[in-house]
Amino acid sequence: MLKDQKIPIAEVYVPAKRRLTLNPQTVEQLADAILEEGQKSPIMVRHDGERYVLVEGLHRLEACRALGEDSITAILVQARKH
């Protein structure tokens, strides 16, 4: 079973390809919802040496960053083996 944990936002790396899908309106809407209700769904990251690499949850990550949060709730997943 995967467990939620708090991780520093500054340690989350977002791959360039994933950044292309960022929608500022979605970030703004999520930031409003997080302010009112808190973060409901954790982001998904994998550990890559010294940092975390974002797997899922770009808009949640950016919404929390926009709100000035230092940490975010995340689930640590294993990288896929090819």
PDB file of N, CA and C in Angstrom:
ATOM      1  N   MET A   1       0.837  -1.191   0.000  1.00  0.00           N
ATOM      2  CA  MET A   1       0.000   0.000   0.000  1.00  0.00           C
ATOM      3  C   MET A   1       0.874   1.244   0.000  1.00  0.00           C
ATOM      4  N   LEU A   2       0.538   2.179  -0.847  1.00  0.00           N
ATOM      5  CA  LEU A   2       1.298   3.417  -0.935  1.00  0.00           C
ATOM      6  C   LEU A   2       0.792   4.406   0.098  1.00  0.00           C
ATOM      7  N   LYS A   3       1.720   5.138   0.695  1.00  0.00           N
ATOM      8  CA  LYS A   3       1.387   6.043   1.776  1.00  0.00           C
ATOM      9  C   LYS A   3       1.680   7.486   1.370  1.00  0.00           C
ATOM     10  N   ASP A   4       0.773   8.400   1.722  1.00  0.00           N
ATOM     11  CA  ASP A   4       0.986   9.819   1.478  1.00  0.00           C
ATOM     12  C   ASP A   4       2.120  10.323   2.365  1.00  0.00           C
ATOM     13  N   GLN A   5       2.893  11.262   1.834  1.00  0.00           N
ATOM     14  CA  GLN A   5       3.923  11.912   2.636  1.00  0.00           C
ATOM     15  C   GLN A   5       4.074  13.356   2.165  1.00  0.00           C
ATOM     16  N   LYS A   6       4.590  14.195   3.034  1.00  0.00           N
ATOM     17  CA  LYS A   6       4.851  15.587   2.683  1.00  0.00           C
ATOM     18  C   LYS A   6       6.266  15.682   2.136  1.00  0.00           C
ATOM     19  N   ILE A   7       6.414  16.346   0.992  1.00  0.00           N
ATOM     20  CA  ILE A   7       7.742  16.546   0.419  1.00  0.00           C
ATOM     21  C   ILE A   7       7.909  18.029   0.089  1.00  0.00           C
ATOM     22  N   PRO A   8       9.154  18.525   0.101  1.00  0.00           N
ATOM     23  CA  PRO A   8       9.391  19.929  -0.237  1.00  0.00           C
ATOM     24  C   PRO A   8       9.107  20.192  -1.722  1.00  0.00           C
ATOM     25  N   ILE A   9       8.345  21.220  -1.999  1.00  0.00           N
ATOM     26  CA  ILE A   9       8.035  21.577  -3.384  1.00  0.00           C
ATOM     27  C   ILE A   9       9.312  21.891  -4.156  1.00  0.00           C
ATOM     28  N   ALA A  10      10.283  22.503  -3.508  1.00  0.00           N
ATOM     29  CA  ALA A  10      11.538  22.871  -4.165  1.00  0.00           C
ATOM     30  C   ALA A  10      12.319  21.663  -4.668  1.00  0.00           C
ATOM     31  N   GLU A  11      12.035  20.481  -4.136  1.00  0.00           N
ATOM     32  CA  GLU A  11      12.766  19.271  -4.543  1.00  0.00           C
ATOM     33  C   GLU A  11      12.045  18.486  -5.641  1.00  0.00           C
ATOM     34  N   VAL A  12      10.942  19.029  -6.171  1.00  0.00           N
ATOM     35  CA  VAL A  12      10.192  18.338  -7.223  1.00  0.00           C
ATOM     36  C   VAL A  12      10.621  18.886  -8.582  1.00  0.00           C
ATOM     37  N   TYR A  13      11.142  18.001  -9.412  1.00  0.00           N
ATOM     38  CA  TYR A  13      11.543  18.351 -10.771  1.00  0.00           C
ATOM     39  C   TYR A  13      10.400  18.008 -11.724  1.00  0.00           C
ATOM     40  N   VAL A  14      10.078  18.957 -12.597  1.00  0.00           N
ATOM     41  CA  VAL A  14       9.025  18.732 -13.602  1.00  0.00           C
ATOM     42  C   VAL A  14       9.701  18.614 -14.964  1.00  0.00           C
ATOM     43  N   PRO A  15       9.615  17.432 -15.603  1.00  0.00           N
ATOM     44  CA  PRO A  15      10.213  17.270 -16.934  1.00  0.00           C
ATOM     45  C   PRO A  15       9.649  18.281 -17.932  1.00  0.00           C
ATOM     46  N   ALA A  16      10.498  18.751 -18.832  1.00  0.00           N
ATOM     47  CA  ALA A  16      10.104  19.777 -19.805  1.00  0.00           C
ATOM     48  C   ALA A  16       8.879  19.363 -20.616  1.00  0.00           C
ATOM     49  N   LYS A  17       8.809  18.121 -21.007  1.00  0.00           N
ATOM     50  CA  LYS A  17       7.679  17.637 -21.809  1.00  0.00           C
ATOM     51  C   LYS A  17       6.364  17.771 -21.031  1.00  0.00           C
ATOM     52  N   ARG A  18       6.411  17.521 -19.725  1.00  0.00           N
ATOM     53  CA  ARG A  18       5.218  17.617 -18.890  1.00  0.00           C
ATOM     54  C   ARG A  18       4.796  19.076 -18.711  1.00  0.00           C
ATOM     55  N   ARG A  19       5.777  19.986 -18.656  1.00  0.00           N
ATOM     56  CA  ARG A  19       5.477  21.418 -18.486  1.00  0.00           C
ATOM     57  C   ARG A  19       4.618  21.968 -19.626  1.00  0.00           C
ATOM     58  N   LEU A  20       4.750  21.377 -20.802  1.00  0.00           N
ATOM     59  CA  LEU A  20       4.006  21.847 -21.974  1.00  0.00           C
ATOM     60  C   LEU A  20       2.497  21.719 -21.797  1.00  0.00           C
ATOM     61  N   THR A  21       2.057  20.871 -20.870  1.00  0.00           N
ATOM     62  CA  THR A  21       0.627  20.651 -20.677  1.00  0.00           C
ATOM     63  C   THR A  21       0.017  21.599 -19.647  1.00  0.00           C
ATOM     64  N   LEU A  22       0.818  22.516 -19.105  1.00  0.00           N
ATOM     65  CA  LEU A  22       0.354  23.411 -18.050  1.00  0.00           C
ATOM     66  C   LEU A  22      -0.691  24.396 -18.568  1.00  0.00           C
ATOM     67  N   ASN A  23      -1.824  24.479 -17.861  1.00  0.00           N
ATOM     68  CA  ASN A  23      -2.899  25.411 -18.190  1.00  0.00           C
ATOM     69  C   ASN A  23      -3.057  26.373 -17.007  1.00  0.00           C
ATOM     70  N   PRO A  24      -2.676  27.649 -17.172  1.00  0.00           N
ATOM     71  CA  PRO A  24      -2.747  28.610 -16.070  1.00  0.00           C
ATOM     72  C   PRO A  24      -4.144  28.760 -15.455  1.00  0.00           C
ATOM     73  N   GLN A  25      -5.196  28.630 -16.251  1.00  0.00           N
ATOM     74  CA  GLN A  25      -6.562  28.725 -15.705  1.00  0.00           C
ATOM     75  C   GLN A  25      -6.848  27.569 -14.749  1.00  0.00           C
ATOM     76  N   THR A  26      -6.395  26.386 -15.101  1.00  0.00           N
ATOM     77  CA  THR A  26      -6.591  25.219 -14.239  1.00  0.00           C
ATOM     78  C   THR A  26      -5.834  25.405 -12.928  1.00  0.00           C
ATOM     79  N   VAL A  27      -4.626  25.939 -13.006  1.00  0.00           N
ATOM     80  CA  VAL A  27      -3.832  26.202 -11.801  1.00  0.00           C
ATOM     81  C   VAL A  27      -4.574  27.164 -10.889  1.00  0.00           C
ATOM     82  N   GLU A  28      -5.117  28.225 -11.460  1.00  0.00           N
ATOM     83  CA  GLU A  28      -5.849  29.234 -10.676  1.00  0.00           C
ATOM     84  C   GLU A  28      -7.084  28.627 -10.006  1.00  0.00           C
ATOM     85  N   GLN A  29      -7.839  27.826 -10.745  1.00  0.00           N
ATOM     86  CA  GLN A  29      -9.031  27.180 -10.182  1.00  0.00           C
ATOM     87  C   GLN A  29      -8.661  26.217  -9.065  1.00  0.00           C
ATOM     88  N   LEU A  30      -7.599  25.435  -9.266  1.00  0.00           N
ATOM     89  CA  LEU A  30      -7.154  24.500  -8.238  1.00  0.00           C
ATOM     90  C   LEU A  30      -6.646  25.233  -7.003  1.00  0.00           C
ATOM     91  N   ALA A  31      -5.939  26.342  -7.204  1.00  0.00           N
ATOM     92  CA  ALA A  31      -5.442  27.127  -6.067  1.00  0.00           C
ATOM     93  C   ALA A  31      -6.614  27.616  -5.218  1.00  0.00           C
ATOM     94  N   ASP A  32      -7.675  28.091  -5.852  1.00  0.00           N
ATOM     95  CA  ASP A  32      -8.875  28.525  -5.117  1.00  0.00           C
ATOM     96  C   ASP A  32      -9.480  27.365  -4.335  1.00  0.00           C
ATOM     97  N   ALA A  33      -9.581  26.198  -4.974  1.00  0.00           N
ATOM     98  CA  ALA A  33     -10.162  25.024  -4.316  1.00  0.00           C
ATOM     99  C   ALA A  33      -9.286  24.559  -3.148  1.00  0.00           C
ATOM    100  N   ILE A  34      -7.975  24.590  -3.331  1.00  0.00           N
ATOM    101  CA  ILE A  34      -7.060  24.167  -2.266  1.00  0.00           C
ATOM    102  C   ILE A  34      -7.135  25.137  -1.088  1.00  0.00           C
ATOM    103  N   LEU A  35      -7.296  26.422  -1.373  1.00  0.00           N
ATOM    104  CA  LEU A  35      -7.461  27.405  -0.297  1.00  0.00           C
ATOM    105  C   LEU A  35      -8.698  27.110   0.534  1.00  0.00           C
ATOM    106  N   GLU A  36      -9.775  26.747  -0.136  1.00  0.00           N
ATOM    107  CA  GLU A  36     -11.050  26.492   0.552  1.00  0.00           C
ATOM    108  C   GLU A  36     -11.097  25.131   1.232  1.00  0.00           C
ATOM    109  N   GLU A  37     -10.608  24.105   0.567  1.00  0.00           N
ATOM    110  CA  GLU A  37     -10.813  22.734   1.035  1.00  0.00           C
ATOM    111  C   GLU A  37      -9.539  21.975   1.367  1.00  0.00           C
ATOM    112  N   GLY A  38      -8.378  22.535   1.060  1.00  0.00           N
ATOM    113  CA  GLY A  38      -7.120  21.821   1.246  1.00  0.00           C
ATOM    114  C   GLY A  38      -6.835  20.922   0.055  1.00  0.00           C
ATOM    115  N   GLN A  39      -5.655  20.358   0.035  1.00  0.00           N
ATOM    116  CA  GLN A  39      -5.264  19.461  -1.055  1.00  0.00           C
ATOM    117  C   GLN A  39      -5.946  18.112  -0.849  1.00  0.00           C
ATOM    118  N   LYS A  40      -6.823  17.750  -1.767  1.00  0.00           N
ATOM    119  CA  LYS A  40      -7.585  16.500  -1.633  1.00  0.00           C
ATOM    120  C   LYS A  40      -6.855  15.286  -2.197  1.00  0.00           C
ATOM    121  N   SER A  41      -6.126  15.482  -3.290  1.00  0.00           N
ATOM    122  CA  SER A  41      -5.443  14.360  -3.942  1.00  0.00           C
ATOM    123  C   SER A  41      -3.943  14.612  -3.958  1.00  0.00           C
ATOM    124  N   PRO A  42      -3.153  13.632  -3.524  1.00  0.00           N
ATOM    125  CA  PRO A  42      -1.702  13.811  -3.558  1.00  0.00           C
ATOM    126  C   PRO A  42      -1.179  13.747  -4.993  1.00  0.00           C
ATOM    127  N   ILE A  43      -0.039  14.385  -5.202  1.00  0.00           N
ATOM    128  CA  ILE A  43       0.638  14.241  -6.490  1.00  0.00           C
ATOM    129  C   ILE A  43       1.404  12.914  -6.453  1.00  0.00           C
ATOM    130  N   MET A  44       1.882  12.460  -7.599  1.00  0.00           N
ATOM    131  CA  MET A  44       2.688  11.239  -7.654  1.00  0.00           C
ATOM    132  C   MET A  44       4.074  11.610  -8.140  1.00  0.00           C
ATOM    133  N   VAL A  45       5.084  11.124  -7.418  1.00  0.00           N
ATOM    134  CA  VAL A  45       6.474  11.392  -7.769  1.00  0.00           C
ATOM    135  C   VAL A  45       7.279  10.101  -7.672  1.00  0.00           C
ATOM    136  N   ARG A  46       8.424  10.104  -8.335  1.00  0.00           N
ATOM    137  CA  ARG A  46       9.378   9.014  -8.160  1.00  0.00           C
ATOM    138  C   ARG A  46      10.681   9.646  -7.700  1.00  0.00           C
ATOM    139  N   HIS A  47      11.443   8.913  -6.934  1.00  0.00           N
ATOM    140  CA  HIS A  47      12.704   9.442  -6.412  1.00  0.00           C
ATOM    141  C   HIS A  47      13.791   9.197  -7.430  1.00  0.00           C
ATOM    142  N   ASP A  48      14.588  10.224  -7.691  1.00  0.00           N
ATOM    143  CA  ASP A  48      15.654  10.146  -8.687  1.00  0.00           C
ATOM    144  C   ASP A  48      16.930  10.721  -8.062  1.00  0.00           C
ATOM    145  N   GLY A  49      17.528   9.967  -7.185  1.00  0.00           N
ATOM    146  CA  GLY A  49      18.739  10.437  -6.512  1.00  0.00           C
ATOM    147  C   GLY A  49      18.446  11.510  -5.488  1.00  0.00           C
ATOM    148  N   GLU A  50      18.789  12.753  -5.820  1.00  0.00           N
ATOM    149  CA  GLU A  50      18.642  13.867  -4.883  1.00  0.00           C
ATOM    150  C   GLU A  50      17.290  14.569  -4.965  1.00  0.00           C
ATOM    151  N   ARG A  51      16.491  14.250  -5.961  1.00  0.00           N
ATOM    152  CA  ARG A  51      15.237  14.981  -6.154  1.00  0.00           C
ATOM    153  C   ARG A  51      14.088  14.020  -6.413  1.00  0.00           C
ATOM    154  N   TYR A  52      12.901  14.606  -6.480  1.00  0.00           N
ATOM    155  CA  TYR A  52      11.701  13.864  -6.855  1.00  0.00           C
ATOM    156  C   TYR A  52      11.334  14.289  -8.274  1.00  0.00           C
ATOM    157  N   VAL A  53      10.919  13.350  -9.085  1.00  0.00           N
ATOM    158  CA  VAL A  53      10.485  13.649 -10.451  1.00  0.00           C
ATOM    159  C   VAL A  53       8.970  13.491 -10.501  1.00  0.00           C
ATOM    160  N   LEU A  54       8.293  14.520 -10.983  1.00  0.00           N
ATOM    161  CA  LEU A  54       6.833  14.497 -11.055  1.00  0.00           C
ATOM    162  C   LEU A  54       6.356  13.444 -12.048  1.00  0.00           C
ATOM    163  N   VAL A  55       5.417  12.620 -11.609  1.00  0.00           N
ATOM    164  CA  VAL A  55       4.801  11.616 -12.468  1.00  0.00           C
ATOM    165  C   VAL A  55       3.387  12.069 -12.829  1.00  0.00           C
ATOM    166  N   GLU A  56       2.663  12.580 -11.840  1.00  0.00           N
ATOM    167  CA  GLU A  56       1.267  13.010 -12.038  1.00  0.00           C
ATOM    168  C   GLU A  56       0.947  14.119 -11.049  1.00  0.00           C
ATOM    169  N   GLY A  57       0.243  15.171 -11.530  1.00  0.00           N
ATOM    170  CA  GLY A  57      -0.219  16.220 -10.622  1.00  0.00           C
ATOM    171  C   GLY A  57       0.405  17.585 -10.856  1.00  0.00           C
ATOM    172  N   LEU A  58       0.745  17.889 -12.104  1.00  0.00           N
ATOM    173  CA  LEU A  58       1.384  19.162 -12.430  1.00  0.00           C
ATOM    174  C   LEU A  58       0.569  20.359 -11.945  1.00  0.00           C
ATOM    175  N   HIS A  59      -0.733  20.354 -12.208  1.00  0.00           N
ATOM    176  CA  HIS A  59      -1.561  21.502 -11.835  1.00  0.00           C
ATOM    177  C   HIS A  59      -1.692  21.651 -10.318  1.00  0.00           C
ATOM    178  N   ARG A  60      -1.772  20.538  -9.607  1.00  0.00           N
ATOM    179  CA  ARG A  60      -1.809  20.605  -8.138  1.00  0.00           C
ATOM    180  C   ARG A  60      -0.499  21.157  -7.594  1.00  0.00           C
ATOM    181  N   LEU A  61       0.618  20.699  -8.168  1.00  0.00           N
ATOM    182  CA  LEU A  61       1.932  21.179  -7.750  1.00  0.00           C
ATOM    183  C   LEU A  61       2.038  22.689  -7.968  1.00  0.00           C
ATOM    184  N   GLU A  62       1.674  23.141  -9.150  1.00  0.00           N
ATOM    185  CA  GLU A  62       1.789  24.569  -9.467  1.00  0.00           C
ATOM    186  C   GLU A  62       0.803  25.414  -8.660  1.00  0.00           C
ATOM    187  N   ALA A  63      -0.368  24.867  -8.349  1.00  0.00           N
ATOM    188  CA  ALA A  63      -1.335  25.590  -7.519  1.00  0.00           C
ATOM    189  C   ALA A  63      -0.769  25.784  -6.113  1.00  0.00           C
ATOM    190  N   CYS A  64      -0.187  24.745  -5.544  1.00  0.00           N
ATOM    191  CA  CYS A  64       0.409  24.862  -4.207  1.00  0.00           C
ATOM    192  C   CYS A  64       1.599  25.815  -4.227  1.00  0.00           C
ATOM    193  N   ARG A  65       2.383  25.766  -5.293  1.00  0.00           N
ATOM    194  CA  ARG A  65       3.514  26.685  -5.434  1.00  0.00           C
ATOM    195  C   ARG A  65       3.001  28.135  -5.498  1.00  0.00           C
ATOM    196  N   ALA A  66       1.936  28.362  -6.269  1.00  0.00           N
ATOM    197  CA  ALA A  66       1.358  29.702  -6.395  1.00  0.00           C
ATOM    198  C   ALA A  66       0.816  30.221  -5.059  1.00  0.00           C
ATOM    199  N   LEU A  67       0.365  29.307  -4.215  1.00  0.00           N
ATOM    200  CA  LEU A  67      -0.152  29.686  -2.902  1.00  0.00           C
ATOM    201  C   LEU A  67       0.964  29.942  -1.886  1.00  0.00           C
ATOM    202  N   GLY A  68       2.207  29.703  -2.301  1.00  0.00           N
ATOM    203  CA  GLY A  68       3.337  29.939  -1.413  1.00  0.00           C
ATOM    204  C   GLY A  68       3.632  28.807  -0.453  1.00  0.00           C
ATOM    205  N   GLU A  69       3.091  27.628  -0.745  1.00  0.00           N
ATOM    206  CA  GLU A  69       3.333  26.463   0.111  1.00  0.00           C
ATOM    207  C   GLU A  69       4.783  25.999  -0.042  1.00  0.00           C
ATOM    208  N   ASP A  70       5.359  25.486   1.045  1.00  0.00           N
ATOM    209  CA  ASP A  70       6.720  24.950   1.015  1.00  0.00           C
ATOM    210  C   ASP A  70       6.736  23.457   0.730  1.00  0.00           C
ATOM    211  N   SER A  71       5.638  22.774   1.082  1.00  0.00           N
ATOM    212  CA  SER A  71       5.582  21.321   0.892  1.00  0.00           C
ATOM    213  C   SER A  71       4.235  20.932   0.295  1.00  0.00           C
ATOM    214  N   ILE A  72       4.182  19.692  -0.198  1.00  0.00           N
ATOM    215  CA  ILE A  72       2.978  19.183  -0.845  1.00  0.00           C
ATOM    216  C   ILE A  72       2.824  17.705  -0.481  1.00  0.00           C
ATOM    217  N   THR A  73       1.588  17.252  -0.423  1.00  0.00           N
ATOM    218  CA  THR A  73       1.325  15.841  -0.155  1.00  0.00           C
ATOM    219  C   THR A  73       1.558  15.054  -1.440  1.00  0.00           C
ATOM    220  N   ALA A  74       2.337  13.975  -1.315  1.00  0.00           N
ATOM    221  CA  ALA A  74       2.705  13.189  -2.495  1.00  0.00           C
ATOM    222  C   ALA A  74       2.713  11.701  -2.154  1.00  0.00           C
ATOM    223  N   ILE A  75       2.598  10.904  -3.196  1.00  0.00           N
ATOM    224  CA  ILE A  75       2.784   9.457  -3.107  1.00  0.00           C
ATOM    225  C   ILE A  75       4.042   9.130  -3.893  1.00  0.00           C
ATOM    226  N   LEU A  76       4.948   8.416  -3.267  1.00  0.00           N
ATOM    227  CA  LEU A  76       6.190   8.013  -3.920  1.00  0.00           C
ATOM    228  C   LEU A  76       5.944   6.677  -4.636  1.00  0.00           C
ATOM    229  N   VAL A  77       6.170   6.680  -5.950  1.00  0.00           N
ATOM    230  CA  VAL A  77       5.975   5.473  -6.753  1.00  0.00           C
ATOM    231  C   VAL A  77       7.317   5.042  -7.338  1.00  0.00           C
ATOM    232  N   GLN A  78       7.386   3.790  -7.762  1.00  0.00           N
ATOM    233  CA  GLN A  78       8.599   3.244  -8.368  1.00  0.00           C
ATOM    234  C   GLN A  78       8.623   3.583  -9.857  1.00  0.00           C
ATOM    235  N   ALA A  79       9.800   3.813 -10.371  1.00  0.00           N
ATOM    236  CA  ALA A  79       9.952   4.051 -11.808  1.00  0.00           C
ATOM    237  C   ALA A  79       9.638   2.755 -12.548  1.00  0.00           C
ATOM    238  N   ARG A  80       9.060   2.874 -13.735  1.00  0.00           N
ATOM    239  CA  ARG A  80       8.784   1.685 -14.541  1.00  0.00           C
ATOM    240  C   ARG A  80      10.068   1.074 -15.038  1.00  0.00           C
ATOM    241  N   LYS A  81      10.129  -0.220 -15.013  1.00  0.00           N
ATOM    242  CA  LYS A  81      11.309  -0.915 -15.541  1.00  0.00           C
ATOM    243  C   LYS A  81      10.993  -1.374 -16.962  1.00  0.00           C
ATOM    244  N   HIS A  82      11.884  -1.051 -17.881  1.00  0.00           N
ATOM    245  CA  HIS A  82      11.653  -1.383 -19.305  1.00  0.00           C
ATOM    246  C   HIS A  82      12.235  -2.708 -19.636  1.00  0.00           C
TER     247      HIS A  82
END
